[in-house]
Amino acid sequence: MQNNSGKRRVFHSILAILTGILILLWPDALYYILGSYLIATGVMSLIFRAPSFLVAVSIVTGIFIFFFPSFIPHFFAFFLLVIGLGSLLSGGFGLAVIPLLAAALLLAFPDIISIIVAAFLLLYGITSIVAMIQSRRKDEEIIEVY
């Protein structure tokens, strides 16, 4: 199971970085890109046997973004709050700061949603990869929620 967890982290990190880059390149396609990202991470989490609640939140949020694109800031902020609170509850305060801060920024500044979402995804992907590298060096498990 630990091998699956590591593969899932790598997949989520790479997908987050690629999605962040795509959003920066094509901000007008935000809801297609972000909805696809959320559905893809939900499906891959299902394959890697992540908790069903996280799978459902990811897929449902992605579907809602496709059908109600004007509510992207609210839907994605909800998704980030779930991830951030899950990190907090599992003891990962450092990992909880990024999604909680991004959720607050999305709700406060919905006009620059593409920049906030892209910055979050890039920061999340890069910090996750750095944490995995440091974890391997220290030979300890990092706390993950998503």
N, C-alpha and C. Protein backbone atom coordinates (compact mmCIF):
# COMPACT_ATOMS: atom_id res chain seq x y z
N MET A 1 0.82 -1.20 0.00
CA MET A 1 0.00 0.00 0.00
C MET A 1 0.86 1.25 0.00
N GLN A 2 2.03 1.20 0.67
CA GLN A 2 2.90 2.36 0.71
C GLN A 2 3.39 2.69 -0.70
N ASN A 3 3.65 1.69 -1.51
CA ASN A 3 4.08 1.92 -2.88
C ASN A 3 3.01 2.66 -3.66
N ASN A 4 1.74 2.25 -3.49
CA ASN A 4 0.64 2.96 -4.14
C ASN A 4 0.55 4.40 -3.67
N SER A 5 0.75 4.63 -2.37
CA SER A 5 0.70 5.97 -1.82
C SER A 5 1.78 6.85 -2.45
N GLY A 6 2.97 6.31 -2.60
CA GLY A 6 4.06 7.05 -3.24
C GLY A 6 3.77 7.34 -4.69
N LYS A 7 3.24 6.36 -5.40
CA LYS A 7 2.88 6.57 -6.81
C LYS A 7 1.78 7.62 -6.93
N ARG A 8 0.82 7.57 -6.02
CA ARG A 8 -0.27 8.55 -6.05
C ARG A 8 0.27 9.95 -5.82
N ARG A 9 1.18 10.11 -4.86
CA ARG A 9 1.78 11.42 -4.59
C ARG A 9 2.52 11.95 -5.80
N VAL A 10 3.30 11.08 -6.44
CA VAL A 10 4.04 11.49 -7.64
C VAL A 10 3.07 11.91 -8.73
N PHE A 11 2.05 11.11 -8.96
CA PHE A 11 1.06 11.43 -10.00
C PHE A 11 0.39 12.77 -9.72
N HIS A 12 -0.08 12.97 -8.49
CA HIS A 12 -0.76 14.22 -8.14
C HIS A 12 0.17 15.42 -8.29
N SER A 13 1.41 15.25 -7.90
CA SER A 13 2.37 16.35 -7.99
C SER A 13 2.64 16.74 -9.44
N ILE A 14 2.91 15.76 -10.27
CA ILE A 14 3.19 16.04 -11.69
C ILE A 14 1.95 16.61 -12.37
N LEU A 15 0.80 16.03 -12.10
CA LEU A 15 -0.44 16.52 -12.71
C LEU A 15 -0.75 17.95 -12.25
N ALA A 16 -0.49 18.26 -10.99
CA ALA A 16 -0.72 19.62 -10.49
C ALA A 16 0.19 20.62 -11.20
N ILE A 17 1.46 20.27 -11.36
CA ILE A 17 2.39 21.17 -12.04
C ILE A 17 1.98 21.38 -13.49
N LEU A 18 1.67 20.30 -14.19
CA LEU A 18 1.25 20.42 -15.60
C LEU A 18 -0.04 21.23 -15.73
N THR A 19 -0.98 21.00 -14.83
CA THR A 19 -2.24 21.74 -14.87
C THR A 19 -2.02 23.22 -14.58
N GLY A 20 -1.16 23.53 -13.62
CA GLY A 20 -0.83 24.92 -13.33
C GLY A 20 -0.24 25.63 -14.54
N ILE A 21 0.65 24.94 -15.25
CA ILE A 21 1.26 25.52 -16.46
C ILE A 21 0.20 25.73 -17.53
N LEU A 22 -0.68 24.74 -17.74
CA LEU A 22 -1.75 24.87 -18.74
C LEU A 22 -2.67 26.05 -18.42
N ILE A 23 -2.99 26.24 -17.16
CA ILE A 23 -3.87 27.36 -16.77
C ILE A 23 -3.19 28.69 -17.03
N LEU A 24 -1.88 28.77 -16.79
CA LEU A 24 -1.15 30.01 -17.09
C LEU A 24 -1.12 30.29 -18.59
N LEU A 25 -0.98 29.22 -19.38
CA LEU A 25 -0.92 29.39 -20.84
C LEU A 25 -2.28 29.70 -21.45
N TRP A 26 -3.34 29.07 -20.93
CA TRP A 26 -4.69 29.24 -21.47
C TRP A 26 -5.69 29.56 -20.36
N PRO A 27 -5.62 30.75 -19.79
CA PRO A 27 -6.53 31.07 -18.67
C PRO A 27 -8.00 31.08 -19.07
N ASP A 28 -8.29 31.31 -20.36
CA ASP A 28 -9.68 31.30 -20.80
C ASP A 28 -10.30 29.90 -20.77
N ALA A 29 -9.47 28.89 -20.75
CA ALA A 29 -9.96 27.51 -20.71
C ALA A 29 -9.93 26.95 -19.28
N LEU A 30 -9.94 27.85 -18.30
CA LEU A 30 -9.79 27.45 -16.90
C LEU A 30 -10.76 26.35 -16.50
N TYR A 31 -12.03 26.52 -16.81
CA TYR A 31 -12.98 25.54 -16.29
C TYR A 31 -12.84 24.18 -16.96
N TYR A 32 -12.41 24.14 -18.22
CA TYR A 32 -12.14 22.84 -18.86
C TYR A 32 -10.92 22.18 -18.20
N ILE A 33 -9.87 22.97 -18.03
CA ILE A 33 -8.63 22.43 -17.48
C ILE A 33 -8.81 22.01 -16.03
N LEU A 34 -9.39 22.89 -15.22
CA LEU A 34 -9.55 22.59 -13.80
C LEU A 34 -10.54 21.45 -13.56
N GLY A 35 -11.65 21.46 -14.28
CA GLY A 35 -12.61 20.36 -14.15
C GLY A 35 -11.98 19.03 -14.52
N SER A 36 -11.22 19.02 -15.61
CA SER A 36 -10.54 17.79 -16.04
C SER A 36 -9.51 17.34 -15.01
N TYR A 37 -8.78 18.30 -14.46
CA TYR A 37 -7.78 17.99 -13.42
C TYR A 37 -8.44 17.31 -12.22
N LEU A 38 -9.53 17.89 -11.75
CA LEU A 38 -10.20 17.33 -10.57
C LEU A 38 -10.76 15.94 -10.83
N ILE A 39 -11.36 15.75 -11.99
CA ILE A 39 -11.90 14.43 -12.33
C ILE A 39 -10.77 13.42 -12.48
N ALA A 40 -9.67 13.82 -13.14
CA ALA A 40 -8.53 12.92 -13.32
C ALA A 40 -7.91 12.52 -11.98
N THR A 41 -7.76 13.48 -11.07
CA THR A 41 -7.19 13.13 -9.77
C THR A 41 -8.15 12.25 -8.97
N GLY A 42 -9.44 12.48 -9.12
CA GLY A 42 -10.41 11.63 -8.45
C GLY A 42 -10.37 10.20 -8.96
N VAL A 43 -10.31 10.05 -10.27
CA VAL A 43 -10.26 8.71 -10.87
C VAL A 43 -8.96 7.99 -10.47
N MET A 44 -7.84 8.72 -10.53
CA MET A 44 -6.57 8.09 -10.15
C MET A 44 -6.55 7.76 -8.66
N SER A 45 -7.15 8.60 -7.85
CA SER A 45 -7.24 8.30 -6.42
C SER A 45 -8.08 7.05 -6.19
N LEU A 46 -9.12 6.89 -6.98
CA LEU A 46 -9.95 5.68 -6.90
C LEU A 46 -9.12 4.45 -7.27
N ILE A 47 -8.34 4.57 -8.33
CA ILE A 47 -7.49 3.46 -8.76
C ILE A 47 -6.47 3.10 -7.69
N PHE A 48 -5.91 4.14 -7.05
CA PHE A 48 -4.90 3.91 -6.01
C PHE A 48 -5.52 3.69 -4.63
N ARG A 49 -6.84 3.56 -4.58
CA ARG A 49 -7.58 3.23 -3.36
C ARG A 49 -7.43 4.28 -2.25
N ALA A 50 -7.58 5.52 -2.64
CA ALA A 50 -7.60 6.61 -1.65
C ALA A 50 -8.94 6.57 -0.93
N PRO A 51 -9.06 7.29 0.18
CA PRO A 51 -10.35 7.33 0.88
C PRO A 51 -11.47 7.79 -0.05
N SER A 52 -12.60 7.10 0.02
CA SER A 52 -13.69 7.35 -0.92
C SER A 52 -14.24 8.77 -0.81
N PHE A 53 -14.18 9.36 0.36
CA PHE A 53 -14.66 10.74 0.52
C PHE A 53 -13.85 11.70 -0.35
N LEU A 54 -12.52 11.53 -0.36
CA LEU A 54 -11.67 12.40 -1.18
C LEU A 54 -11.91 12.17 -2.67
N VAL A 55 -12.11 10.92 -3.04
CA VAL A 55 -12.42 10.60 -4.43
C VAL A 55 -13.71 11.31 -4.85
N ALA A 56 -14.73 11.18 -4.03
CA ALA A 56 -16.04 11.78 -4.34
C ALA A 56 -15.95 13.30 -4.41
N VAL A 57 -15.28 13.92 -3.45
CA VAL A 57 -15.17 15.38 -3.44
C VAL A 57 -14.47 15.86 -4.71
N SER A 58 -13.41 15.19 -5.10
CA SER A 58 -12.67 15.59 -6.29
C SER A 58 -13.52 15.46 -7.56
N ILE A 59 -14.13 14.32 -7.75
CA ILE A 59 -14.92 14.09 -8.96
C ILE A 59 -16.16 14.98 -9.01
N VAL A 60 -16.87 15.09 -7.90
CA VAL A 60 -18.08 15.92 -7.87
C VAL A 60 -17.73 17.39 -8.10
N THR A 61 -16.65 17.87 -7.49
CA THR A 61 -16.23 19.25 -7.71
C THR A 61 -15.89 19.48 -9.18
N GLY A 62 -15.17 18.54 -9.79
CA GLY A 62 -14.84 18.66 -11.21
C GLY A 62 -16.08 18.70 -12.09
N ILE A 63 -17.05 17.87 -11.81
CA ILE A 63 -18.30 17.86 -12.59
C ILE A 63 -19.06 19.16 -12.39
N PHE A 64 -19.15 19.64 -11.16
CA PHE A 64 -19.84 20.92 -10.90
C PHE A 64 -19.18 22.07 -11.65
N ILE A 65 -17.85 22.06 -11.73
CA ILE A 65 -17.15 23.13 -12.45
C ILE A 65 -17.52 23.10 -13.93
N PHE A 66 -17.68 21.92 -14.51
CA PHE A 66 -18.09 21.84 -15.91
C PHE A 66 -19.50 22.42 -16.13
N PHE A 67 -20.40 22.12 -15.22
CA PHE A 67 -21.79 22.54 -15.40
C PHE A 67 -22.08 23.95 -14.89
N PHE A 68 -21.31 24.42 -13.93
CA PHE A 68 -21.53 25.75 -13.35
C PHE A 68 -20.21 26.52 -13.29
N PRO A 69 -19.64 26.89 -14.44
CA PRO A 69 -18.31 27.52 -14.44
C PRO A 69 -18.25 28.86 -13.71
N SER A 70 -19.36 29.55 -13.58
CA SER A 70 -19.32 30.84 -12.88
C SER A 70 -19.09 30.67 -11.38
N PHE A 71 -19.24 29.46 -10.88
CA PHE A 71 -19.03 29.20 -9.45
C PHE A 71 -17.67 28.55 -9.16
N ILE A 72 -16.75 28.62 -10.10
CA ILE A 72 -15.43 28.00 -9.91
C ILE A 72 -14.78 28.44 -8.60
N PRO A 73 -14.75 29.75 -8.29
CA PRO A 73 -14.08 30.13 -7.03
C PRO A 73 -14.68 29.43 -5.81
N HIS A 74 -15.98 29.29 -5.78
CA HIS A 74 -16.64 28.67 -4.63
C HIS A 74 -16.41 27.16 -4.59
N PHE A 75 -16.55 26.50 -5.73
CA PHE A 75 -16.37 25.05 -5.77
C PHE A 75 -14.93 24.66 -5.46
N PHE A 76 -13.97 25.36 -6.10
CA PHE A 76 -12.57 25.00 -5.87
C PHE A 76 -12.14 25.39 -4.46
N ALA A 77 -12.67 26.49 -3.93
CA ALA A 77 -12.36 26.87 -2.54
C ALA A 77 -12.87 25.79 -1.58
N PHE A 78 -14.06 25.25 -1.84
CA PHE A 78 -14.59 24.16 -1.02
C PHE A 78 -13.65 22.95 -1.08
N PHE A 79 -13.23 22.60 -2.28
CA PHE A 79 -12.31 21.48 -2.47
C PHE A 79 -11.02 21.71 -1.67
N LEU A 80 -10.48 22.93 -1.76
CA LEU A 80 -9.25 23.25 -1.04
C LEU A 80 -9.44 23.22 0.47
N LEU A 81 -10.60 23.67 0.93
CA LEU A 81 -10.90 23.62 2.36
C LEU A 81 -10.93 22.18 2.86
N VAL A 82 -11.52 21.28 2.09
CA VAL A 82 -11.56 19.87 2.47
C VAL A 82 -10.14 19.32 2.57
N ILE A 83 -9.31 19.63 1.57
CA ILE A 83 -7.92 19.15 1.57
C ILE A 83 -7.15 19.75 2.74
N GLY A 84 -7.30 21.06 2.94
CA GLY A 84 -6.59 21.73 4.02
C GLY A 84 -6.99 21.24 5.40
N LEU A 85 -8.29 21.10 5.61
CA LEU A 85 -8.77 20.61 6.91
C LEU A 85 -8.36 19.15 7.15
N GLY A 86 -8.37 18.37 6.08
CA GLY A 86 -7.90 16.99 6.20
C GLY A 86 -6.43 16.93 6.59
N SER A 87 -5.63 17.81 6.02
CA SER A 87 -4.21 17.87 6.38
C SER A 87 -4.03 18.29 7.83
N LEU A 88 -4.81 19.29 8.24
CA LEU A 88 -4.73 19.75 9.63
C LEU A 88 -5.10 18.63 10.61
N LEU A 89 -6.18 17.93 10.31
CA LEU A 89 -6.65 16.87 11.21
C LEU A 89 -5.69 15.69 11.28
N SER A 90 -4.91 15.49 10.21
CA SER A 90 -3.96 14.38 10.23
C SER A 90 -2.58 14.81 10.71
N GLY A 91 -2.48 16.04 11.21
CA GLY A 91 -1.23 16.50 11.80
C GLY A 91 -0.28 17.20 10.87
N GLY A 92 -0.69 17.47 9.67
CA GLY A 92 0.19 18.12 8.70
C GLY A 92 -0.05 19.60 8.58
N PHE A 93 0.24 20.35 9.64
CA PHE A 93 -0.03 21.79 9.64
C PHE A 93 0.67 22.49 8.47
N GLY A 94 1.91 22.15 8.22
CA GLY A 94 2.66 22.78 7.13
C GLY A 94 2.01 22.55 5.78
N LEU A 95 1.49 21.34 5.58
CA LEU A 95 0.84 21.02 4.31
C LEU A 95 -0.56 21.62 4.20
N ALA A 96 -1.14 21.99 5.33
CA ALA A 96 -2.50 22.55 5.32
C ALA A 96 -2.52 24.02 4.97
N VAL A 97 -1.41 24.71 5.18
CA VAL A 97 -1.36 26.15 4.97
C VAL A 97 -1.64 26.52 3.52
N ILE A 98 -1.04 25.81 2.58
CA ILE A 98 -1.16 26.17 1.17
C ILE A 98 -2.61 26.10 0.68
N PRO A 99 -3.31 24.97 0.84
CA PRO A 99 -4.70 24.94 0.35
C PRO A 99 -5.63 25.89 1.10
N LEU A 100 -5.42 26.06 2.40
CA LEU A 100 -6.30 26.97 3.15
C LEU A 100 -6.07 28.42 2.72
N LEU A 101 -4.83 28.80 2.50
CA LEU A 101 -4.52 30.15 2.03
C LEU A 101 -5.09 30.37 0.62
N ALA A 102 -4.92 29.38 -0.25
CA ALA A 102 -5.45 29.50 -1.61
C ALA A 102 -6.98 29.61 -1.59
N ALA A 103 -7.65 28.87 -0.72
CA ALA A 103 -9.11 28.95 -0.62
C ALA A 103 -9.54 30.35 -0.19
N ALA A 104 -8.85 30.91 0.79
CA ALA A 104 -9.17 32.26 1.26
C ALA A 104 -8.94 33.29 0.15
N LEU A 105 -7.85 33.15 -0.59
CA LEU A 105 -7.56 34.08 -1.69
C LEU A 105 -8.60 33.97 -2.80
N LEU A 106 -9.03 32.75 -3.11
CA LEU A 106 -10.05 32.56 -4.14
C LEU A 106 -11.35 33.26 -3.78
N LEU A 107 -11.74 33.15 -2.54
CA LEU A 107 -12.99 33.78 -2.12
C LEU A 107 -12.84 35.29 -2.01
N ALA A 108 -11.65 35.77 -1.67
CA ALA A 108 -11.43 37.21 -1.54
C ALA A 108 -11.21 37.90 -2.89
N PHE A 109 -10.55 37.21 -3.82
CA PHE A 109 -10.20 37.80 -5.10
C PHE A 109 -10.61 36.90 -6.27
N PRO A 110 -11.90 36.70 -6.49
CA PRO A 110 -12.33 35.79 -7.57
C PRO A 110 -12.00 36.28 -8.97
N ASP A 111 -11.68 37.57 -9.13
CA ASP A 111 -11.36 38.10 -10.46
C ASP A 111 -10.02 37.60 -10.99
N ILE A 112 -9.14 37.18 -10.12
CA ILE A 112 -7.84 36.68 -10.57
C ILE A 112 -7.72 35.17 -10.29
N ILE A 113 -8.81 34.49 -10.52
CA ILE A 113 -8.88 33.06 -10.20
C ILE A 113 -7.83 32.24 -10.94
N SER A 114 -7.58 32.54 -12.22
CA SER A 114 -6.61 31.76 -12.98
C SER A 114 -5.23 31.83 -12.34
N ILE A 115 -4.84 33.02 -11.92
CA ILE A 115 -3.52 33.19 -11.31
C ILE A 115 -3.46 32.46 -9.97
N ILE A 116 -4.50 32.58 -9.17
CA ILE A 116 -4.51 31.93 -7.85
C ILE A 116 -4.49 30.41 -8.00
N VAL A 117 -5.32 29.88 -8.89
CA VAL A 117 -5.38 28.42 -9.07
C VAL A 117 -4.05 27.90 -9.63
N ALA A 118 -3.51 28.59 -10.64
CA ALA A 118 -2.23 28.16 -11.21
C ALA A 118 -1.12 28.21 -10.17
N ALA A 119 -1.07 29.30 -9.40
CA ALA A 119 -0.05 29.43 -8.36
C ALA A 119 -0.19 28.32 -7.32
N PHE A 120 -1.43 28.04 -6.91
CA PHE A 120 -1.65 26.97 -5.94
C PHE A 120 -1.16 25.63 -6.49
N LEU A 121 -1.58 25.30 -7.71
CA LEU A 121 -1.22 24.00 -8.28
C LEU A 121 0.30 23.86 -8.44
N LEU A 122 0.95 24.92 -8.91
CA LEU A 122 2.40 24.87 -9.06
C LEU A 122 3.08 24.73 -7.69
N LEU A 123 2.65 25.53 -6.74
CA LEU A 123 3.24 25.47 -5.40
C LEU A 123 2.98 24.12 -4.74
N TYR A 124 1.76 23.62 -4.87
CA TYR A 124 1.41 22.31 -4.31
C TYR A 124 2.27 21.21 -4.93
N GLY A 125 2.36 21.21 -6.26
CA GLY A 125 3.13 20.18 -6.94
C GLY A 125 4.60 20.21 -6.58
N ILE A 126 5.17 21.40 -6.57
CA ILE A 126 6.60 21.54 -6.27
C ILE A 126 6.90 21.19 -4.81
N THR A 127 6.08 21.70 -3.88
CA THR A 127 6.34 21.39 -2.46
C THR A 127 6.13 19.91 -2.17
N SER A 128 5.20 19.28 -2.86
CA SER A 128 4.99 17.83 -2.66
C SER A 128 6.21 17.04 -3.13
N ILE A 129 6.76 17.43 -4.27
CA ILE A 129 7.94 16.73 -4.78
C ILE A 129 9.13 16.95 -3.84
N VAL A 130 9.31 18.19 -3.38
CA VAL A 130 10.40 18.48 -2.44
C VAL A 130 10.21 17.67 -1.16
N ALA A 131 8.99 17.59 -0.64
CA ALA A 131 8.72 16.82 0.57
C ALA A 131 9.01 15.34 0.36
N MET A 132 8.68 14.81 -0.82
CA MET A 132 8.96 13.40 -1.10
C MET A 132 10.46 13.14 -1.14
N ILE A 133 11.20 14.06 -1.76
CA ILE A 133 12.66 13.90 -1.84
C ILE A 133 13.27 13.97 -0.44
N GLN A 134 12.83 14.93 0.35
CA GLN A 134 13.34 15.05 1.72
C GLN A 134 12.94 13.83 2.55
N SER A 135 11.75 13.32 2.33
CA SER A 135 11.28 12.15 3.06
C SER A 135 12.15 10.94 2.75
N ARG A 136 12.49 10.78 1.49
CA ARG A 136 13.34 9.64 1.11
C ARG A 136 14.73 9.78 1.72
N ARG A 137 15.23 11.01 1.77
CA ARG A 137 16.55 11.24 2.35
C ARG A 137 16.55 10.94 3.84
N LYS A 138 15.48 11.35 4.52
CA LYS A 138 15.38 11.15 5.97
C LYS A 138 14.78 9.79 6.31
N ASP A 139 14.28 9.10 5.28
CA ASP A 139 13.67 7.78 5.45
C ASP A 139 12.48 7.81 6.41
N GLU A 140 11.63 8.82 6.24
CA GLU A 140 10.42 8.92 7.06
C GLU A 140 9.22 9.16 6.16
N GLU A 141 8.08 8.87 6.66
CA GLU A 141 6.83 9.03 5.90
C GLU A 141 6.31 10.45 6.07
N ILE A 142 5.91 11.08 4.95
CA ILE A 142 5.29 12.40 5.05
C ILE A 142 3.79 12.21 5.19
N ILE A 143 3.16 13.16 5.84
CA ILE A 143 1.72 13.10 6.04
C ILE A 143 1.04 13.57 4.78
N GLU A 144 0.08 12.81 4.30
CA GLU A 144 -0.65 13.21 3.11
C GLU A 144 -2.13 13.00 3.32
N VAL A 145 -2.88 13.85 2.68
CA VAL A 145 -4.32 13.71 2.72
C VAL A 145 -4.82 13.38 1.34
N TYR A 146 -4.24 14.01 0.33
CA TYR A 146 -4.75 13.89 -1.01
C TYR A 146 -3.77 13.21 -1.90
